[in-house]
PDB file of N, CA and C in Angstrom:
ATOM      1  N   MET A   1      36.239  63.418  38.379  1.00  0.00           N
ATOM      2  CA  MET A   1      35.399  62.897  39.435  1.00  0.00           C
ATOM      3  C   MET A   1      35.858  63.496  40.758  1.00  0.00           C
ATOM      4  N   SER A   2      34.920  64.006  41.544  1.00  0.00           N
ATOM      5  CA  SER A   2      35.289  64.611  42.822  1.00  0.00           C
ATOM      6  C   SER A   2      35.661  63.539  43.835  1.00  0.00           C
ATOM      7  N   GLN A   3      36.375  63.953  44.879  1.00  0.00           N
ATOM      8  CA  GLN A   3      36.820  63.017  45.912  1.00  0.00           C
ATOM      9  C   GLN A   3      35.631  62.376  46.618  1.00  0.00           C
ATOM     10  N   LYS A   4      34.584  63.161  46.909  1.00  0.00           N
ATOM     11  CA  LYS A   4      33.414  62.652  47.606  1.00  0.00           C
ATOM     12  C   LYS A   4      32.731  61.557  46.789  1.00  0.00           C
ATOM     13  N   THR A   5      32.555  61.778  45.501  1.00  0.00           N
ATOM     14  CA  THR A   5      31.935  60.783  44.632  1.00  0.00           C
ATOM     15  C   THR A   5      32.796  59.531  44.559  1.00  0.00           C
ATOM     16  N   HIS A   6      34.107  59.733  44.450  1.00  0.00           N
ATOM     17  CA  HIS A   6      35.024  58.597  44.366  1.00  0.00           C
ATOM     18  C   HIS A   6      34.962  57.752  45.633  1.00  0.00           C
ATOM     19  N   THR A   7      34.936  58.406  46.802  1.00  0.00           N
ATOM     20  CA  THR A   7      34.891  57.687  48.073  1.00  0.00           C
ATOM     21  C   THR A   7      33.572  56.944  48.229  1.00  0.00           C
ATOM     22  N   SER A   8      32.452  57.590  47.904  1.00  0.00           N
ATOM     23  CA  SER A   8      31.166  56.940  48.095  1.00  0.00           C
ATOM     24  C   SER A   8      30.978  55.779  47.122  1.00  0.00           C
ATOM     25  N   SER A   9      31.623  55.822  45.953  1.00  0.00           N
ATOM     26  CA  SER A   9      31.489  54.712  45.014  1.00  0.00           C
ATOM     27  C   SER A   9      32.267  53.494  45.490  1.00  0.00           C
ATOM     28  N   GLN A  10      33.244  53.700  46.393  1.00  0.00           N
ATOM     29  CA  GLN A  10      34.000  52.578  46.923  1.00  0.00           C
ATOM     30  C   GLN A  10      33.333  51.962  48.143  1.00  0.00           C
ATOM     31  N   HIS A  11      32.302  52.593  48.665  1.00  0.00           N
ATOM     32  CA  HIS A  11      31.586  52.073  49.828  1.00  0.00           C
ATOM     33  C   HIS A  11      30.804  50.826  49.420  1.00  0.00           C
ATOM     34  N   LEU A  12      30.997  49.748  50.136  1.00  0.00           N
ATOM     35  CA  LEU A  12      30.319  48.487  49.825  1.00  0.00           C
ATOM     36  C   LEU A  12      29.043  48.400  50.660  1.00  0.00           C
ATOM     37  N   LYS A  13      27.948  48.870  50.073  1.00  0.00           N
ATOM     38  CA  LYS A  13      26.689  48.965  50.810  1.00  0.00           C
ATOM     39  C   LYS A  13      26.166  47.600  51.250  1.00  0.00           C
ATOM     40  N   TYR A  14      26.466  46.557  50.494  1.00  0.00           N
ATOM     41  CA  TYR A  14      25.959  45.245  50.872  1.00  0.00           C
ATOM     42  C   TYR A  14      26.564  44.783  52.197  1.00  0.00           C
ATOM     43  N   LEU A  15      27.767  45.275  52.544  1.00  0.00           N
ATOM     44  CA  LEU A  15      28.349  44.930  53.840  1.00  0.00           C
ATOM     45  C   LEU A  15      27.542  45.549  54.983  1.00  0.00           C
ATOM     46  N   ASP A  16      27.048  46.768  54.777  1.00  0.00           N
ATOM     47  CA  ASP A  16      26.176  47.382  55.776  1.00  0.00           C
ATOM     48  C   ASP A  16      24.914  46.543  55.947  1.00  0.00           C
ATOM     49  N   GLY A  17      24.397  46.035  54.852  1.00  0.00           N
ATOM     50  CA  GLY A  17      23.217  45.176  54.921  1.00  0.00           C
ATOM     51  C   GLY A  17      23.482  43.884  55.666  1.00  0.00           C
ATOM     52  N   LEU A  18      24.626  43.281  55.409  1.00  0.00           N
ATOM     53  CA  LEU A  18      24.984  42.045  56.121  1.00  0.00           C
ATOM     54  C   LEU A  18      25.179  42.310  57.611  1.00  0.00           C
ATOM     55  N   ARG A  19      25.810  43.431  57.941  1.00  0.00           N
ATOM     56  CA  ARG A  19      25.981  43.789  59.352  1.00  0.00           C
ATOM     57  C   ARG A  19      24.620  44.015  59.998  1.00  0.00           C
ATOM     58  N   ALA A  20      23.709  44.673  59.292  1.00  0.00           N
ATOM     59  CA  ALA A  20      22.365  44.910  59.825  1.00  0.00           C
ATOM     60  C   ALA A  20      21.630  43.591  60.046  1.00  0.00           C
ATOM     61  N   LEU A  21      21.757  42.667  59.104  1.00  0.00           N
ATOM     62  CA  LEU A  21      21.114  41.359  59.277  1.00  0.00           C
ATOM     63  C   LEU A  21      21.679  40.610  60.475  1.00  0.00           C
ATOM     64  N   ALA A  22      22.989  40.671  60.652  1.00  0.00           N
ATOM     65  CA  ALA A  22      23.605  40.010  61.804  1.00  0.00           C
ATOM     66  C   ALA A  22      23.105  40.638  63.102  1.00  0.00           C
ATOM     67  N   ALA A  23      23.023  41.966  63.146  1.00  0.00           N
ATOM     68  CA  ALA A  23      22.534  42.648  64.344  1.00  0.00           C
ATOM     69  C   ALA A  23      21.072  42.312  64.606  1.00  0.00           C
ATOM     70  N   LEU A  24      20.264  42.268  63.566  1.00  0.00           N
ATOM     71  CA  LEU A  24      18.852  41.918  63.708  1.00  0.00           C
ATOM     72  C   LEU A  24      18.689  40.483  64.208  1.00  0.00           C
ATOM     73  N   TYR A  25      19.531  39.582  63.709  1.00  0.00           N
ATOM     74  CA  TYR A  25      19.502  38.198  64.168  1.00  0.00           C
ATOM     75  C   TYR A  25      19.784  38.136  65.668  1.00  0.00           C
ATOM     76  N   VAL A  26      20.747  38.935  66.128  1.00  0.00           N
ATOM     77  CA  VAL A  26      21.073  38.958  67.562  1.00  0.00           C
ATOM     78  C   VAL A  26      19.874  39.468  68.361  1.00  0.00           C
ATOM     79  N   VAL A  27      19.189  40.484  67.865  1.00  0.00           N
ATOM     80  CA  VAL A  27      18.002  41.002  68.550  1.00  0.00           C
ATOM     81  C   VAL A  27      16.942  39.910  68.644  1.00  0.00           C
ATOM     82  N   PHE A  28      16.678  39.212  67.547  1.00  0.00           N
ATOM     83  CA  PHE A  28      15.692  38.132  67.564  1.00  0.00           C
ATOM     84  C   PHE A  28      16.133  36.989  68.487  1.00  0.00           C
ATOM     85  N   HIS A  29      17.424  36.730  68.521  1.00  0.00           N
ATOM     86  CA  HIS A  29      17.959  35.706  69.424  1.00  0.00           C
ATOM     87  C   HIS A  29      17.654  36.081  70.878  1.00  0.00           C
ATOM     88  N   HIS A  30      17.881  37.344  71.225  1.00  0.00           N
ATOM     89  CA  HIS A  30      17.593  37.792  72.588  1.00  0.00           C
ATOM     90  C   HIS A  30      16.102  37.727  72.889  1.00  0.00           C
ATOM     91  N   CYS A  31      15.276  38.083  71.925  1.00  0.00           N
ATOM     92  CA  CYS A  31      13.823  37.970  72.107  1.00  0.00           C
ATOM     93  C   CYS A  31      13.435  36.520  72.337  1.00  0.00           C
ATOM     94  N   MET A  32      14.022  35.621  71.559  1.00  0.00           N
ATOM     95  CA  MET A  32      13.736  34.191  71.705  1.00  0.00           C
ATOM     96  C   MET A  32      14.135  33.713  73.105  1.00  0.00           C
ATOM     97  N   LEU A  33      15.289  34.147  73.585  1.00  0.00           N
ATOM     98  CA  LEU A  33      15.726  33.746  74.922  1.00  0.00           C
ATOM     99  C   LEU A  33      14.748  34.219  75.983  1.00  0.00           C
ATOM    100  N   GLN A  34      14.231  35.415  75.828  1.00  0.00           N
ATOM    101  CA  GLN A  34      13.301  35.970  76.806  1.00  0.00           C
ATOM    102  C   GLN A  34      11.986  35.193  76.810  1.00  0.00           C
ATOM    103  N   ILE A  35      11.479  34.869  75.646  1.00  0.00           N
ATOM    104  CA  ILE A  35      10.190  34.180  75.538  1.00  0.00           C
ATOM    105  C   ILE A  35      10.324  32.702  75.891  1.00  0.00           C
ATOM    106  N   TRP A  36      11.331  32.061  75.354  1.00  0.00           N
ATOM    107  CA  TRP A  36      11.469  30.609  75.502  1.00  0.00           C
ATOM    108  C   TRP A  36      11.714  30.201  76.945  1.00  0.00           C
ATOM    109  N   THR A  37      12.453  30.992  77.702  1.00  0.00           N
ATOM    110  CA  THR A  37      12.780  30.611  79.074  1.00  0.00           C
ATOM    111  C   THR A  37      11.611  30.781  80.016  1.00  0.00           C
ATOM    112  N   GLN A  38      10.536  31.406  79.567  1.00  0.00           N
ATOM    113  CA  GLN A  38       9.380  31.578  80.437  1.00  0.00           C
ATOM    114  C   GLN A  38       8.513  30.322  80.474  1.00  0.00           C
ATOM    115  N   GLY A  39       8.911  29.319  79.750  1.00  0.00           N
ATOM    116  CA  GLY A  39       8.177  28.060  79.776  1.00  0.00           C
ATOM    117  C   GLY A  39       6.908  28.114  78.951  1.00  0.00           C
ATOM    118  N   GLY A  40       6.162  27.043  79.013  1.00  0.00           N
ATOM    119  CA  GLY A  40       4.912  26.988  78.277  1.00  0.00           C
ATOM    120  C   GLY A  40       4.957  25.908  77.214  1.00  0.00           C
ATOM    121  N   ASP A  41       3.797  25.631  76.650  1.00  0.00           N
ATOM    122  CA  ASP A  41       3.674  24.611  75.623  1.00  0.00           C
ATOM    123  C   ASP A  41       3.737  25.298  74.264  1.00  0.00           C
ATOM    124  N   PHE A  42       4.823  25.070  73.541  1.00  0.00           N
ATOM    125  CA  PHE A  42       5.020  25.729  72.255  1.00  0.00           C
ATOM    126  C   PHE A  42       4.750  24.757  71.116  1.00  0.00           C
ATOM    127  N   SER A  43       4.268  25.289  70.011  1.00  0.00           N
ATOM    128  CA  SER A  43       3.970  24.477  68.835  1.00  0.00           C
ATOM    129  C   SER A  43       5.264  24.036  68.156  1.00  0.00           C
ATOM    130  N   ALA A  44       5.119  23.118  67.210  1.00  0.00           N
ATOM    131  CA  ALA A  44       6.277  22.650  66.451  1.00  0.00           C
ATOM    132  C   ALA A  44       6.895  23.794  65.654  1.00  0.00           C
ATOM    133  N   ALA A  45       6.057  24.689  65.131  1.00  0.00           N
ATOM    134  CA  ALA A  45       6.576  25.838  64.377  1.00  0.00           C
ATOM    135  C   ALA A  45       7.419  26.731  65.288  1.00  0.00           C
ATOM    136  N   ALA A  46       6.952  26.959  66.516  1.00  0.00           N
ATOM    137  CA  ALA A  46       7.713  27.782  67.458  1.00  0.00           C
ATOM    138  C   ALA A  46       9.040  27.111  67.806  1.00  0.00           C
ATOM    139  N   ARG A  47       9.016  25.800  67.984  1.00  0.00           N
ATOM    140  CA  ARG A  47      10.270  25.087  68.284  1.00  0.00           C
ATOM    141  C   ARG A  47      11.241  25.176  67.108  1.00  0.00           C
ATOM    142  N   ASN A  48      10.738  25.158  65.873  1.00  0.00           N
ATOM    143  CA  ASN A  48      11.596  25.307  64.694  1.00  0.00           C
ATOM    144  C   ASN A  48      12.212  26.705  64.630  1.00  0.00           C
ATOM    145  N   ILE A  49      11.432  27.714  64.978  1.00  0.00           N
ATOM    146  CA  ILE A  49      11.956  29.078  65.001  1.00  0.00           C
ATOM    147  C   ILE A  49      13.044  29.199  66.059  1.00  0.00           C
ATOM    148  N   VAL A  50      12.806  28.616  67.222  1.00  0.00           N
ATOM    149  CA  VAL A  50      13.812  28.641  68.289  1.00  0.00           C
ATOM    150  C   VAL A  50      15.087  27.954  67.816  1.00  0.00           C
ATOM    151  N   HIS A  51      14.931  26.847  67.108  1.00  0.00           N
ATOM    152  CA  HIS A  51      16.107  26.139  66.594  1.00  0.00           C
ATOM    153  C   HIS A  51      16.899  27.021  65.618  1.00  0.00           C
ATOM    154  N   LEU A  52      16.194  27.795  64.793  1.00  0.00           N
ATOM    155  CA  LEU A  52      16.857  28.692  63.843  1.00  0.00           C
ATOM    156  C   LEU A  52      17.575  29.849  64.541  1.00  0.00           C
ATOM    157  N   LEU A  53      17.098  30.226  65.717  1.00  0.00           N
ATOM    158  CA  LEU A  53      17.643  31.397  66.401  1.00  0.00           C
ATOM    159  C   LEU A  53      18.654  31.051  67.491  1.00  0.00           C
ATOM    160  N   LYS A  54      19.155  29.844  67.513  1.00  0.00           N
ATOM    161  CA  LYS A  54      20.085  29.434  68.561  1.00  0.00           C
ATOM    162  C   LYS A  54      21.504  29.962  68.378  1.00  0.00           C
ATOM    163  N   SER A  55      21.842  30.484  67.221  1.00  0.00           N
ATOM    164  CA  SER A  55      23.223  30.870  66.931  1.00  0.00           C
ATOM    165  C   SER A  55      23.475  32.363  67.104  1.00  0.00           C
ATOM    166  N   GLY A  56      22.921  32.951  68.146  1.00  0.00           N
ATOM    167  CA  GLY A  56      23.091  34.378  68.381  1.00  0.00           C
ATOM    168  C   GLY A  56      24.544  34.776  68.576  1.00  0.00           C
ATOM    169  N   ARG A  57      25.301  33.930  69.260  1.00  0.00           N
ATOM    170  CA  ARG A  57      26.720  34.245  69.472  1.00  0.00           C
ATOM    171  C   ARG A  57      27.484  34.234  68.154  1.00  0.00           C
ATOM    172  N   GLY A  58      27.132  33.346  67.263  1.00  0.00           N
ATOM    173  CA  GLY A  58      27.772  33.308  65.944  1.00  0.00           C
ATOM    174  C   GLY A  58      27.469  34.567  65.147  1.00  0.00           C
ATOM    175  N   ALA A  59      26.253  35.085  65.284  1.00  0.00           N
ATOM    176  CA  ALA A  59      25.890  36.315  64.580  1.00  0.00           C
ATOM    177  C   ALA A  59      26.679  37.501  65.122  1.00  0.00           C
ATOM    178  N   VAL A  60      26.965  37.503  66.419  1.00  0.00           N
ATOM    179  CA  VAL A  60      27.810  38.555  66.988  1.00  0.00           C
ATOM    180  C   VAL A  60      29.202  38.474  66.369  1.00  0.00           C
ATOM    181  N   ASP A  61      29.717  37.256  66.234  1.00  0.00           N
ATOM    182  CA  ASP A  61      31.029  37.070  65.596  1.00  0.00           C
ATOM    183  C   ASP A  61      31.034  37.598  64.168  1.00  0.00           C
ATOM    184  N   VAL A  62      29.994  37.287  63.413  1.00  0.00           N
ATOM    185  CA  VAL A  62      29.889  37.758  62.029  1.00  0.00           C
ATOM    186  C   VAL A  62      29.867  39.282  61.998  1.00  0.00           C
ATOM    187  N   PHE A  63      29.094  39.890  62.899  1.00  0.00           N
ATOM    188  CA  PHE A  63      29.018  41.344  62.958  1.00  0.00           C
ATOM    189  C   PHE A  63      30.386  41.954  63.235  1.00  0.00           C
ATOM    190  N   ILE A  64      31.113  41.396  64.190  1.00  0.00           N
ATOM    191  CA  ILE A  64      32.428  41.941  64.556  1.00  0.00           C
ATOM    192  C   ILE A  64      33.427  41.783  63.413  1.00  0.00           C
ATOM    193  N   VAL A  65      33.426  40.631  62.764  1.00  0.00           N
ATOM    194  CA  VAL A  65      34.350  40.416  61.645  1.00  0.00           C
ATOM    195  C   VAL A  65      34.048  41.378  60.498  1.00  0.00           C
ATOM    196  N   LEU A  66      32.782  41.527  60.151  1.00  0.00           N
ATOM    197  CA  LEU A  66      32.418  42.459  59.075  1.00  0.00           C
ATOM    198  C   LEU A  66      32.759  43.898  59.441  1.00  0.00           C
ATOM    199  N   SER A  67      32.557  44.260  60.705  1.00  0.00           N
ATOM    200  CA  SER A  67      32.897  45.617  61.135  1.00  0.00           C
ATOM    201  C   SER A  67      34.396  45.858  61.037  1.00  0.00           C
ATOM    202  N   GLY A  68      35.184  44.885  61.457  1.00  0.00           N
ATOM    203  CA  GLY A  68      36.638  45.007  61.337  1.00  0.00           C
ATOM    204  C   GLY A  68      37.070  45.123  59.888  1.00  0.00           C
ATOM    205  N   PHE A  69      36.430  44.348  59.026  1.00  0.00           N
ATOM    206  CA  PHE A  69      36.741  44.418  57.601  1.00  0.00           C
ATOM    207  C   PHE A  69      36.422  45.803  57.057  1.00  0.00           C
ATOM    208  N   CYS A  70      35.251  46.348  57.435  1.00  0.00           N
ATOM    209  CA  CYS A  70      34.857  47.683  56.968  1.00  0.00           C
ATOM    210  C   CYS A  70      35.829  48.750  57.460  1.00  0.00           C
ATOM    211  N   LEU A  71      36.341  48.604  58.683  1.00  0.00           N
ATOM    212  CA  LEU A  71      37.299  49.576  59.209  1.00  0.00           C
ATOM    213  C   LEU A  71      38.654  49.472  58.515  1.00  0.00           C
ATOM    214  N   MET A  72      39.025  48.270  58.119  1.00  0.00           N
ATOM    215  CA  MET A  72      40.350  48.063  57.538  1.00  0.00           C
ATOM    216  C   MET A  72      40.387  48.342  56.037  1.00  0.00           C
ATOM    217  N   LEU A  73      39.257  48.256  55.362  1.00  0.00           N
ATOM    218  CA  LEU A  73      39.212  48.421  53.914  1.00  0.00           C
ATOM    219  C   LEU A  73      39.813  49.744  53.425  1.00  0.00           C
ATOM    220  N   PRO A  74      39.480  50.889  54.029  1.00  0.00           N
ATOM    221  CA  PRO A  74      40.099  52.142  53.565  1.00  0.00           C
ATOM    222  C   PRO A  74      41.619  52.156  53.771  1.00  0.00           C
ATOM    223  N   VAL A  75      42.082  51.504  54.818  1.00  0.00           N
ATOM    224  CA  VAL A  75      43.524  51.446  55.075  1.00  0.00           C
ATOM    225  C   VAL A  75      44.213  50.630  53.981  1.00  0.00           C
ATOM    226  N   VAL A  76      43.619  49.525  53.610  1.00  0.00           N
ATOM    227  CA  VAL A  76      44.185  48.684  52.551  1.00  0.00           C
ATOM    228  C   VAL A  76      44.182  49.440  51.226  1.00  0.00           C
ATOM    229  N   ARG A  77      43.099  50.138  50.945  1.00  0.00           N
ATOM    230  CA  ARG A  77      43.012  50.896  49.692  1.00  0.00           C
ATOM    231  C   ARG A  77      44.019  52.040  49.641  1.00  0.00           C
ATOM    232  N   ALA A  78      44.443  52.517  50.813  1.00  0.00           N
ATOM    233  CA  ALA A  78      45.402  53.624  50.871  1.00  0.00           C
ATOM    234  C   ALA A  78      46.832  53.115  50.997  1.00  0.00           C
ATOM    235  N   GLY A  79      47.052  51.868  50.695  1.00  0.00           N
ATOM    236  CA  GLY A  79      48.405  51.328  50.729  1.00  0.00           C
ATOM    237  C   GLY A  79      48.908  51.012  52.120  1.00  0.00           C
ATOM    238  N   GLY A  80      48.008  50.747  53.042  1.00  0.00           N
ATOM    239  CA  GLY A  80      48.408  50.372  54.391  1.00  0.00           C
ATOM    240  C   GLY A  80      48.596  51.537  55.341  1.00  0.00           C
ATOM    241  N   GLU A  81      48.144  52.716  54.967  1.00  0.00           N
ATOM    242  CA  GLU A  81      48.316  53.886  55.828  1.00  0.00           C
ATOM    243  C   GLU A  81      46.974  54.572  56.048  1.00  0.00           C
ATOM    244  N   LEU A  82      46.806  55.134  57.234  1.00  0.00           N
ATOM    245  CA  LEU A  82      45.634  55.948  57.506  1.00  0.00           C
ATOM    246  C   LEU A  82      45.850  57.317  56.878  1.00  0.00           C
ATOM    247  N   LYS A  83      44.920  57.732  56.038  1.00  0.00           N
ATOM    248  CA  LYS A  83      45.079  59.001  55.318  1.00  0.00           C
ATOM    249  C   LYS A  83      45.234  60.193  56.255  1.00  0.00           C
ATOM    250  N   GLU A  84      44.438  60.208  57.318  1.00  0.00           N
ATOM    251  CA  GLU A  84      44.443  61.361  58.228  1.00  0.00           C
ATOM    252  C   GLU A  84      45.291  61.126  59.464  1.00  0.00           C
ATOM    253  N   GLY A  85      45.886  59.963  59.595  1.00  0.00           N
ATOM    254  CA  GLY A  85      46.719  59.666  60.751  1.00  0.00           C
ATOM    255  C   GLY A  85      45.965  58.918  61.843  1.00  0.00           C
ATOM    256  N   VAL A  86      46.713  58.374  62.754  1.00  0.00           N
ATOM    257  CA  VAL A  86      46.151  57.549  63.829  1.00  0.00           C
ATOM    258  C   VAL A  86      45.303  58.381  64.785  1.00  0.00           C
ATOM    259  N   ILE A  87      45.778  59.547  65.159  1.00  0.00           N
ATOM    260  CA  ILE A  87      45.043  60.396  66.119  1.00  0.00           C
ATOM    261  C   ILE A  87      43.675  60.778  65.552  1.00  0.00           C
ATOM    262  N   ALA A  88      43.630  61.191  64.305  1.00  0.00           N
ATOM    263  CA  ALA A  88      42.352  61.553  63.679  1.00  0.00           C
ATOM    264  C   ALA A  88      41.426  60.345  63.602  1.00  0.00           C
ATOM    265  N   PHE A  89      41.986  59.162  63.317  1.00  0.00           N
ATOM    266  CA  PHE A  89      41.182  57.936  63.265  1.00  0.00           C
ATOM    267  C   PHE A  89      40.513  57.689  64.612  1.00  0.00           C
ATOM    268  N   TYR A  90      41.298  57.742  65.691  1.00  0.00           N
ATOM    269  CA  TYR A  90      40.741  57.481  67.018  1.00  0.00           C
ATOM    270  C   TYR A  90      39.772  58.568  67.459  1.00  0.00           C
ATOM    271  N   LYS A  91      40.003  59.804  67.071  1.00  0.00           N
ATOM    272  CA  LYS A  91      39.053  60.878  67.393  1.00  0.00           C
ATOM    273  C   LYS A  91      37.705  60.625  66.718  1.00  0.00           C
ATOM    274  N   LYS A  92      37.755  60.236  65.435  1.00  0.00           N
ATOM    275  CA  LYS A  92      36.507  59.953  64.711  1.00  0.00           C
ATOM    276  C   LYS A  92      35.775  58.773  65.331  1.00  0.00           C
ATOM    277  N   ARG A  93      36.500  57.712  65.676  1.00  0.00           N
ATOM    278  CA  ARG A  93      35.891  56.541  66.317  1.00  0.00           C
ATOM    279  C   ARG A  93      35.275  56.918  67.655  1.00  0.00           C
ATOM    280  N   THR A  94      36.012  57.728  68.417  1.00  0.00           N
ATOM    281  CA  THR A  94      35.525  58.145  69.738  1.00  0.00           C
ATOM    282  C   THR A  94      34.250  58.961  69.613  1.00  0.00           C
ATOM    283  N   ARG A  95      34.236  59.920  68.688  1.00  0.00           N
ATOM    284  CA  ARG A  95      33.031  60.739  68.484  1.00  0.00           C
ATOM    285  C   ARG A  95      31.857  59.907  68.002  1.00  0.00           C
ATOM    286  N   ARG A  96      32.124  58.853  67.286  1.00  0.00           N
ATOM    287  CA  ARG A  96      31.040  58.035  66.740  1.00  0.00           C
ATOM    288  C   ARG A  96      30.532  57.012  67.751  1.00  0.00           C
ATOM    289  N   ILE A  97      31.415  56.440  68.547  1.00  0.00           N
ATOM    290  CA  ILE A  97      31.041  55.311  69.401  1.00  0.00           C
ATOM    291  C   ILE A  97      30.633  55.728  70.813  1.00  0.00           C
ATOM    292  N   LEU A  98      31.353  56.660  71.429  1.00  0.00           N
ATOM    293  CA  LEU A  98      31.099  56.967  72.838  1.00  0.00           C
ATOM    294  C   LEU A  98      29.726  57.577  73.136  1.00  0.00           C
ATOM    295  N   PRO A  99      29.212  58.535  72.348  1.00  0.00           N
ATOM    296  CA  PRO A  99      27.887  59.076  72.697  1.00  0.00           C
ATOM    297  C   PRO A  99      26.781  58.016  72.767  1.00  0.00           C
ATOM    298  N   PRO A 100      26.623  57.145  71.747  1.00  0.00           N
ATOM    299  CA  PRO A 100      25.567  56.135  71.900  1.00  0.00           C
ATOM    300  C   PRO A 100      25.882  55.122  73.011  1.00  0.00           C
ATOM    301  N   TYR A 101      27.159  54.866  73.240  1.00  0.00           N
ATOM    302  CA  TYR A 101      27.536  53.947  74.321  1.00  0.00           C
ATOM    303  C   TYR A 101      27.103  54.514  75.671  1.00  0.00           C
ATOM    304  N   TYR A 102      27.410  55.791  75.924  1.00  0.00           N
ATOM    305  CA  TYR A 102      27.027  56.400  77.191  1.00  0.00           C
ATOM    306  C   TYR A 102      25.513  56.509  77.327  1.00  0.00           C
ATOM    307  N   CYS A 103      24.821  56.781  76.239  1.00  0.00           N
ATOM    308  CA  CYS A 103      23.352  56.813  76.278  1.00  0.00           C
ATOM    309  C   CYS A 103      22.786  55.438  76.618  1.00  0.00           C
ATOM    310  N   ALA A 104      23.339  54.395  76.016  1.00  0.00           N
ATOM    311  CA  ALA A 104      22.883  53.032  76.308  1.00  0.00           C
ATOM    312  C   ALA A 104      23.166  52.665  77.764  1.00  0.00           C
ATOM    313  N   MET A 105      24.315  53.066  78.270  1.00  0.00           N
ATOM    314  CA  MET A 105      24.646  52.795  79.669  1.00  0.00           C
ATOM    315  C   MET A 105      23.674  53.524  80.596  1.00  0.00           C
ATOM    316  N   ALA A 106      23.397  54.782  80.314  1.00  0.00           N
ATOM    317  CA  ALA A 106      22.468  55.549  81.143  1.00  0.00           C
ATOM    318  C   ALA A 106      21.067  54.937  81.098  1.00  0.00           C
ATOM    319  N   PHE A 107      20.623  54.567  79.900  1.00  0.00           N
ATOM    320  CA  PHE A 107      19.310  53.946  79.746  1.00  0.00           C
ATOM    321  C   PHE A 107      19.243  52.634  80.515  1.00  0.00           C
ATOM    322  N   SER A 108      20.306  51.836  80.447  1.00  0.00           N
ATOM    323  CA  SER A 108      20.349  50.565  81.170  1.00  0.00           C
ATOM    324  C   SER A 108      20.285  50.785  82.674  1.00  0.00           C
ATOM    325  N   LEU A 109      21.018  51.763  83.174  1.00  0.00           N
ATOM    326  CA  LEU A 109      21.000  52.044  84.611  1.00  0.00           C
ATOM    327  C   LEU A 109      19.625  52.530  85.070  1.00  0.00           C
ATOM    328  N   ILE A 110      18.972  53.338  84.228  1.00  0.00           N
ATOM    329  CA  ILE A 110      17.617  53.787  84.558  1.00  0.00           C
ATOM    330  C   ILE A 110      16.661  52.601  84.601  1.00  0.00           C
ATOM    331  N   LEU A 111      16.767  51.708  83.601  1.00  0.00           N
ATOM    332  CA  LEU A 111      15.906  50.522  83.596  1.00  0.00           C
ATOM    333  C   LEU A 111      16.152  49.640  84.813  1.00  0.00           C
ATOM    334  N   ILE A 112      17.409  49.464  85.182  1.00  0.00           N
ATOM    335  CA  ILE A 112      17.735  48.658  86.357  1.00  0.00           C
ATOM    336  C   ILE A 112      17.125  49.292  87.605  1.00  0.00           C
ATOM    337  N   ALA A 113      17.247  50.594  87.736  1.00  0.00           N
ATOM    338  CA  ALA A 113      16.720  51.280  88.914  1.00  0.00           C
ATOM    339  C   ALA A 113      15.197  51.239  88.975  1.00  0.00           C
ATOM    340  N   LEU A 114      14.540  51.330  87.824  1.00  0.00           N
ATOM    341  CA  LEU A 114      13.083  51.452  87.821  1.00  0.00           C
ATOM    342  C   LEU A 114      12.324  50.137  87.689  1.00  0.00           C
ATOM    343  N   CYS A 115      12.827  49.213  86.859  1.00  0.00           N
ATOM    344  CA  CYS A 115      11.962  48.056  86.621  1.00  0.00           C
ATOM    345  C   CYS A 115      12.661  46.714  86.462  1.00  0.00           C
ATOM    346  N   ILE A 116      13.912  46.655  86.114  1.00  0.00           N
ATOM    347  CA  ILE A 116      14.506  45.329  85.909  1.00  0.00           C
ATOM    348  C   ILE A 116      15.613  45.017  86.904  1.00  0.00           C
ATOM    349  N   GLY A 117      15.608  45.717  88.024  1.00  0.00           N
ATOM    350  CA  GLY A 117      16.622  45.473  89.039  1.00  0.00           C
ATOM    351  C   GLY A 117      16.306  44.277  89.925  1.00  0.00           C
ATOM    352  N   ARG A 118      15.122  43.723  89.802  1.00  0.00           N
ATOM    353  CA  ARG A 118      14.735  42.568  90.624  1.00  0.00           C
ATOM    354  C   ARG A 118      14.753  41.298  89.781  1.00  0.00           C
ATOM    355  N   LYS A 119      14.748  40.172  90.426  1.00  0.00           N
ATOM    356  CA  LYS A 119      14.780  38.868  89.744  1.00  0.00           C
ATOM    357  C   LYS A 119      13.519  38.703  88.893  1.00  0.00           C
ATOM    358  N   THR A 120      13.721  38.174  87.678  1.00  0.00           N
ATOM    359  CA  THR A 120      12.587  38.006  86.764  1.00  0.00           C
ATOM    360  C   THR A 120      12.284  36.544  86.469  1.00  0.00           C
ATOM    361  N   GLY A 121      13.214  35.648  86.841  1.00  0.00           N
ATOM    362  CA  GLY A 121      13.014  34.233  86.527  1.00  0.00           C
ATOM    363  C   GLY A 121      13.440  33.880  85.109  1.00  0.00           C
ATOM    364  N   THR A 122      14.126  34.804  84.435  1.00  0.00           N
ATOM    365  CA  THR A 122      14.603  34.553  83.070  1.00  0.00           C
ATOM    366  C   THR A 122      16.122  34.438  83.077  1.00  0.00           C
ATOM    367  N   HIS A 123      16.682  34.214  81.906  1.00  0.00           N
ATOM    368  CA  HIS A 123      18.137  34.090  81.788  1.00  0.00           C
ATOM    369  C   HIS A 123      18.866  35.386  82.120  1.00  0.00           C
ATOM    370  N   TRP A 124      18.160  36.506  82.142  1.00  0.00           N
ATOM    371  CA  TRP A 124      18.786  37.793  82.437  1.00  0.00           C
ATOM    372  C   TRP A 124      19.193  37.898  83.899  1.00  0.00           C
ATOM    373  N   ASP A 125      18.625  37.074  84.762  1.00  0.00           N
ATOM    374  CA  ASP A 125      18.991  37.121  86.185  1.00  0.00           C
ATOM    375  C   ASP A 125      20.459  36.819  86.385  1.00  0.00           C
ATOM    376  N   VAL A 126      21.043  36.000  85.535  1.00  0.00           N
ATOM    377  CA  VAL A 126      22.452  35.658  85.642  1.00  0.00           C
ATOM    378  C   VAL A 126      23.310  36.886  85.340  1.00  0.00           C
ATOM    379  N   SER A 127      22.859  37.718  84.413  1.00  0.00           N
ATOM    380  CA  SER A 127      23.622  38.912  84.044  1.00  0.00           C
ATOM    381  C   SER A 127      23.639  39.911  85.165  1.00  0.00           C
TER     382      SER A 127
END
C-alpha cells in the first residue's frame, strides 16, 4: 500500500462533515441575528427557528474543538511527534490560513468603506 493511500484512508471524513455543519450553523445563527433584530411580527414557526438557532457560540466551540482534534490526530498517530517537524507544520498552517484571512480582511474593509460603515440599527453596530 502506498503512503498516499495509507494516509487518505486514515482521514476521518465525517469530522469534516461535522465541522461543516457547525460552520453552517454559525452562518444561520448570524443570519437569524440580522433578521430577528430588525423587528416585526413573526409567526410561531419563525420563533421556533430562532429558538433553534440561539446557540451560535456553542457551534463555534464545537468547530474549534473538532479542528483541534483534526490537527492533533496525525501527531498522536505518529507517536507524539510531528513527522516533518515544527517549522514545516507552522509553514503549512501559515500557507493555508493567512491567504484567506487576508482576503477576508480586505473584503471586510472594502465593505466597511463602501456600504456598512454607517449605523444600521442591528446588532452589528456594536461590533
